[in-house]
Amino acid sequence: MILLTTAALGCVGEKVPDLLIGTWAATSPTHLGRFIEISEEHIVFSSDESHSIFYTIREVESRELEGKTVYTIEYFGSGGDSRRLALRFSDGVPMAIELENQAGIWIRKDEIRSKQRVSI
C-alpha cells in the first residue's frame, strides 16, 4: 500500500529542468532504499517501496555555487504550507544530486551502474 499526500495547486515560476526529471536513488548507507521522484509538476519522497509522499511543485529557482548549479524546489506541504528543497546538481557520469540538508549523493536510477565512482 502506498501512502500519498497531495496538495492540489499548480506549478508556477521557472520550469523544472529536464535534467532533474526522473527518479533519484540514495547511495548513502543510512538512506538506502529511499528515492526522490521529480516530474514537471510533482516531487515524491519515498522511504521505501510502499511509503511515498507526493507534493505539487510551486516553483524552481537556480543559481551557481562553486561551479555547480543549485536548484531550489519550492513545493506545497500536506497542510498547504510552502516548503523548499535545495539540491546541488552534478552533470558528471553518472549525473547526481546532493541535498543541502543531507550527507551523501542521489543518482538517477536510469544511470546507476555497479561500482561506479561519483564526485560532487
C-alpha atoms as a PDB file:
ATOM      1  CA  MET A   1       0.000   0.000   0.000  1.00  0.00           C
ATOM      2  CA  ILE A   2       1.363   3.405  -0.951  1.00  0.00           C
ATOM      3  CA  LEU A   3       0.566   6.357   1.277  1.00  0.00           C
ATOM      4  CA  LEU A   4       0.051   9.507  -0.771  1.00  0.00           C
ATOM      5  CA  THR A   5      -0.453  13.026   0.496  1.00  0.00           C
ATOM      6  CA  THR A   6      -1.441  15.521  -2.174  1.00  0.00           C
ATOM      7  CA  ALA A   7      -1.571  19.295  -2.365  1.00  0.00           C
ATOM      8  CA  ALA A   8      -3.593  20.317  -5.425  1.00  0.00           C
ATOM      9  CA  LEU A   9      -2.059  23.581  -6.594  1.00  0.00           C
ATOM     10  CA  GLY A  10      -0.371  24.248  -9.910  1.00  0.00           C
ATOM     11  CA  CYS A  11       3.273  24.834 -10.743  1.00  0.00           C
ATOM     12  CA  VAL A  12       4.322  28.442 -11.353  1.00  0.00           C
ATOM     13  CA  GLY A  13       7.658  30.153 -11.961  1.00  0.00           C
ATOM     14  CA  GLU A  14      10.725  28.558 -13.527  1.00  0.00           C
ATOM     15  CA  LYS A  15      10.205  25.212 -15.260  1.00  0.00           C
ATOM     16  CA  VAL A  16      11.722  22.079 -13.706  1.00  0.00           C
ATOM     17  CA  PRO A  17      14.866  21.395 -15.769  1.00  0.00           C
ATOM     18  CA  ASP A  18      14.753  18.214 -17.853  1.00  0.00           C
ATOM     19  CA  LEU A  19      17.999  17.041 -16.208  1.00  0.00           C
ATOM     20  CA  LEU A  20      16.245  16.863 -12.814  1.00  0.00           C
ATOM     21  CA  ILE A  21      13.255  14.897 -14.083  1.00  0.00           C
ATOM     22  CA  GLY A  22      13.472  11.263 -13.071  1.00  0.00           C
ATOM     23  CA  THR A  23      13.810   9.005 -10.066  1.00  0.00           C
ATOM     24  CA  TRP A  24      16.856   9.594  -7.860  1.00  0.00           C
ATOM     25  CA  ALA A  25      18.081   6.791  -5.604  1.00  0.00           C
ATOM     26  CA  ALA A  26      20.054   7.336  -2.402  1.00  0.00           C
ATOM     27  CA  THR A  27      23.582   5.949  -2.241  1.00  0.00           C
ATOM     28  CA  SER A  28      24.287   6.634   1.429  1.00  0.00           C
ATOM     29  CA  PRO A  29      24.077   3.514   3.652  1.00  0.00           C
ATOM     30  CA  THR A  30      21.795   5.436   6.037  1.00  0.00           C
ATOM     31  CA  HIS A  31      19.336   6.215   3.230  1.00  0.00           C
ATOM     32  CA  LEU A  32      19.469   3.041   1.095  1.00  0.00           C
ATOM     33  CA  GLY A  33      16.099   2.140  -0.387  1.00  0.00           C
ATOM     34  CA  ARG A  34      14.920   5.742  -0.409  1.00  0.00           C
ATOM     35  CA  PHE A  35      14.218   7.681  -3.556  1.00  0.00           C
ATOM     36  CA  ILE A  36      13.074  11.066  -4.787  1.00  0.00           C
ATOM     37  CA  GLU A  37      10.997  11.259  -7.943  1.00  0.00           C
ATOM     38  CA  ILE A  38      10.840  14.609  -9.739  1.00  0.00           C
ATOM     39  CA  SER A  39       8.475  15.411 -12.605  1.00  0.00           C
ATOM     40  CA  GLU A  40       7.495  18.702 -14.244  1.00  0.00           C
ATOM     41  CA  GLU A  41       4.771  19.265 -11.658  1.00  0.00           C
ATOM     42  CA  HIS A  42       5.405  16.951  -8.688  1.00  0.00           C
ATOM     43  CA  ILE A  43       8.013  15.743  -6.252  1.00  0.00           C
ATOM     44  CA  VAL A  44       7.668  12.418  -4.437  1.00  0.00           C
ATOM     45  CA  PHE A  45       9.708  11.362  -1.414  1.00  0.00           C
ATOM     46  CA  SER A  46       9.835   7.659  -0.608  1.00  0.00           C
ATOM     47  CA  SER A  47      11.289   5.943   2.422  1.00  0.00           C
ATOM     48  CA  ASP A  48      10.801   2.504   0.842  1.00  0.00           C
ATOM     49  CA  GLU A  49       8.840   0.746  -1.910  1.00  0.00           C
ATOM     50  CA  SER A  50       5.492   1.102  -0.109  1.00  0.00           C
ATOM     51  CA  HIS A  51       5.639   4.539   1.567  1.00  0.00           C
ATOM     52  CA  SER A  52       5.679   7.689  -0.553  1.00  0.00           C
ATOM     53  CA  ILE A  53       4.623  11.284  -0.005  1.00  0.00           C
ATOM     54  CA  PHE A  54       3.503  13.244  -3.057  1.00  0.00           C
ATOM     55  CA  TYR A  55       3.733  17.064  -3.337  1.00  0.00           C
ATOM     56  CA  THR A  56       2.950  19.659  -6.004  1.00  0.00           C
ATOM     57  CA  ILE A  57       5.838  21.852  -7.116  1.00  0.00           C
ATOM     58  CA  ARG A  58       5.169  25.581  -6.917  1.00  0.00           C
ATOM     59  CA  GLU A  59       8.363  26.896  -8.497  1.00  0.00           C
ATOM     60  CA  VAL A  60      12.036  26.233  -9.110  1.00  0.00           C
ATOM     61  CA  GLU A  61      14.933  28.656  -8.748  1.00  0.00           C
ATOM     62  CA  SER A  62      18.520  28.087  -9.859  1.00  0.00           C
ATOM     63  CA  ARG A  63      21.865  29.657  -9.025  1.00  0.00           C
ATOM     64  CA  GLU A  64      25.548  28.864  -9.475  1.00  0.00           C
ATOM     65  CA  LEU A  65      27.666  27.947  -6.441  1.00  0.00           C
ATOM     66  CA  GLU A  66      31.266  26.760  -6.634  1.00  0.00           C
ATOM     67  CA  GLY A  67      30.927  25.704 -10.262  1.00  0.00           C
ATOM     68  CA  LYS A  68      27.758  23.648  -9.695  1.00  0.00           C
ATOM     69  CA  THR A  69      24.120  24.539 -10.274  1.00  0.00           C
ATOM     70  CA  VAL A  70      21.997  24.663  -7.133  1.00  0.00           C
ATOM     71  CA  TYR A  71      18.262  24.220  -7.656  1.00  0.00           C
ATOM     72  CA  THR A  72      15.746  25.173  -5.006  1.00  0.00           C
ATOM     73  CA  ILE A  73      12.401  23.460  -5.466  1.00  0.00           C
ATOM     74  CA  GLU A  74       9.509  25.091  -3.639  1.00  0.00           C
ATOM     75  CA  TYR A  75       6.561  22.767  -3.100  1.00  0.00           C
ATOM     76  CA  PHE A  76       3.346  22.693  -1.113  1.00  0.00           C
ATOM     77  CA  GLY A  77       3.324  20.644   2.095  1.00  0.00           C
ATOM     78  CA  SER A  78       0.388  18.483   3.150  1.00  0.00           C
ATOM     79  CA  GLY A  79      -1.203  21.413   5.023  1.00  0.00           C
ATOM     80  CA  GLY A  80      -0.742  23.767   2.071  1.00  0.00           C
ATOM     81  CA  ASP A  81       2.341  25.377   3.618  1.00  0.00           C
ATOM     82  CA  SER A  82       5.292  26.197   1.396  1.00  0.00           C
ATOM     83  CA  ARG A  83       8.415  24.042   1.737  1.00  0.00           C
ATOM     84  CA  ARG A  84      11.774  24.264  -0.004  1.00  0.00           C
ATOM     85  CA  LEU A  85      14.356  21.680  -1.021  1.00  0.00           C
ATOM     86  CA  ALA A  86      17.777  22.850  -2.183  1.00  0.00           C
ATOM     87  CA  LEU A  87      19.908  20.436  -4.152  1.00  0.00           C
ATOM     88  CA  ARG A  88      23.212  20.674  -5.944  1.00  0.00           C
ATOM     89  CA  PHE A  89      23.366  19.088  -9.390  1.00  0.00           C
ATOM     90  CA  SER A  90      26.409  17.369 -10.864  1.00  0.00           C
ATOM     91  CA  ASP A  91      26.375  16.501 -14.561  1.00  0.00           C
ATOM     92  CA  GLY A  92      29.221  14.010 -14.229  1.00  0.00           C
ATOM     93  CA  VAL A  93      28.971  10.335 -15.074  1.00  0.00           C
ATOM     94  CA  PRO A  94      26.619   9.379 -13.609  1.00  0.00           C
ATOM     95  CA  MET A  95      24.555  12.515 -13.037  1.00  0.00           C
ATOM     96  CA  ALA A  96      23.947  13.060  -9.326  1.00  0.00           C
ATOM     97  CA  ILE A  97      22.277  15.393  -6.855  1.00  0.00           C
ATOM     98  CA  GLU A  98      23.278  16.274  -3.321  1.00  0.00           C
ATOM     99  CA  LEU A  99      20.609  17.517  -0.909  1.00  0.00           C
ATOM    100  CA  GLU A 100      21.508  20.597   1.089  1.00  0.00           C
ATOM    101  CA  ASN A 101      20.434  19.077   4.407  1.00  0.00           C
ATOM    102  CA  GLN A 102      21.871  15.546   3.997  1.00  0.00           C
ATOM    103  CA  ALA A 103      25.182  13.832   3.519  1.00  0.00           C
ATOM    104  CA  GLY A 104      25.543  11.518   0.538  1.00  0.00           C
ATOM    105  CA  ILE A 105      24.515  11.682  -3.071  1.00  0.00           C
ATOM    106  CA  TRP A 106      21.496  10.557  -5.051  1.00  0.00           C
ATOM    107  CA  ILE A 107      21.934   9.060  -8.520  1.00  0.00           C
ATOM    108  CA  ARG A 108      19.230   8.985 -11.174  1.00  0.00           C
ATOM    109  CA  LYS A 109      18.035   5.370 -11.309  1.00  0.00           C
ATOM    110  CA  ASP A 110      18.416   5.093 -15.075  1.00  0.00           C
ATOM    111  CA  GLU A 111      22.139   5.887 -14.669  1.00  0.00           C
ATOM    112  CA  ILE A 112      23.052   3.582 -11.792  1.00  0.00           C
ATOM    113  CA  ARG A 113      25.896   1.235 -12.636  1.00  0.00           C
ATOM    114  CA  SER A 114      27.613  -1.042 -10.185  1.00  0.00           C
ATOM    115  CA  LYS A 115      30.875   0.096  -8.566  1.00  0.00           C
ATOM    116  CA  GLN A 116      30.830   3.498 -10.238  1.00  0.00           C
ATOM    117  CA  ARG A 117      32.651   6.403  -8.567  1.00  0.00           C
ATOM    118  CA  VAL A 118      30.867   9.732  -8.396  1.00  0.00           C
ATOM    119  CA  SER A 119      32.349  13.074  -7.461  1.00  0.00           C
ATOM    120  CA  ILE A 120      30.321  16.092  -6.425  1.00  0.00           C
END
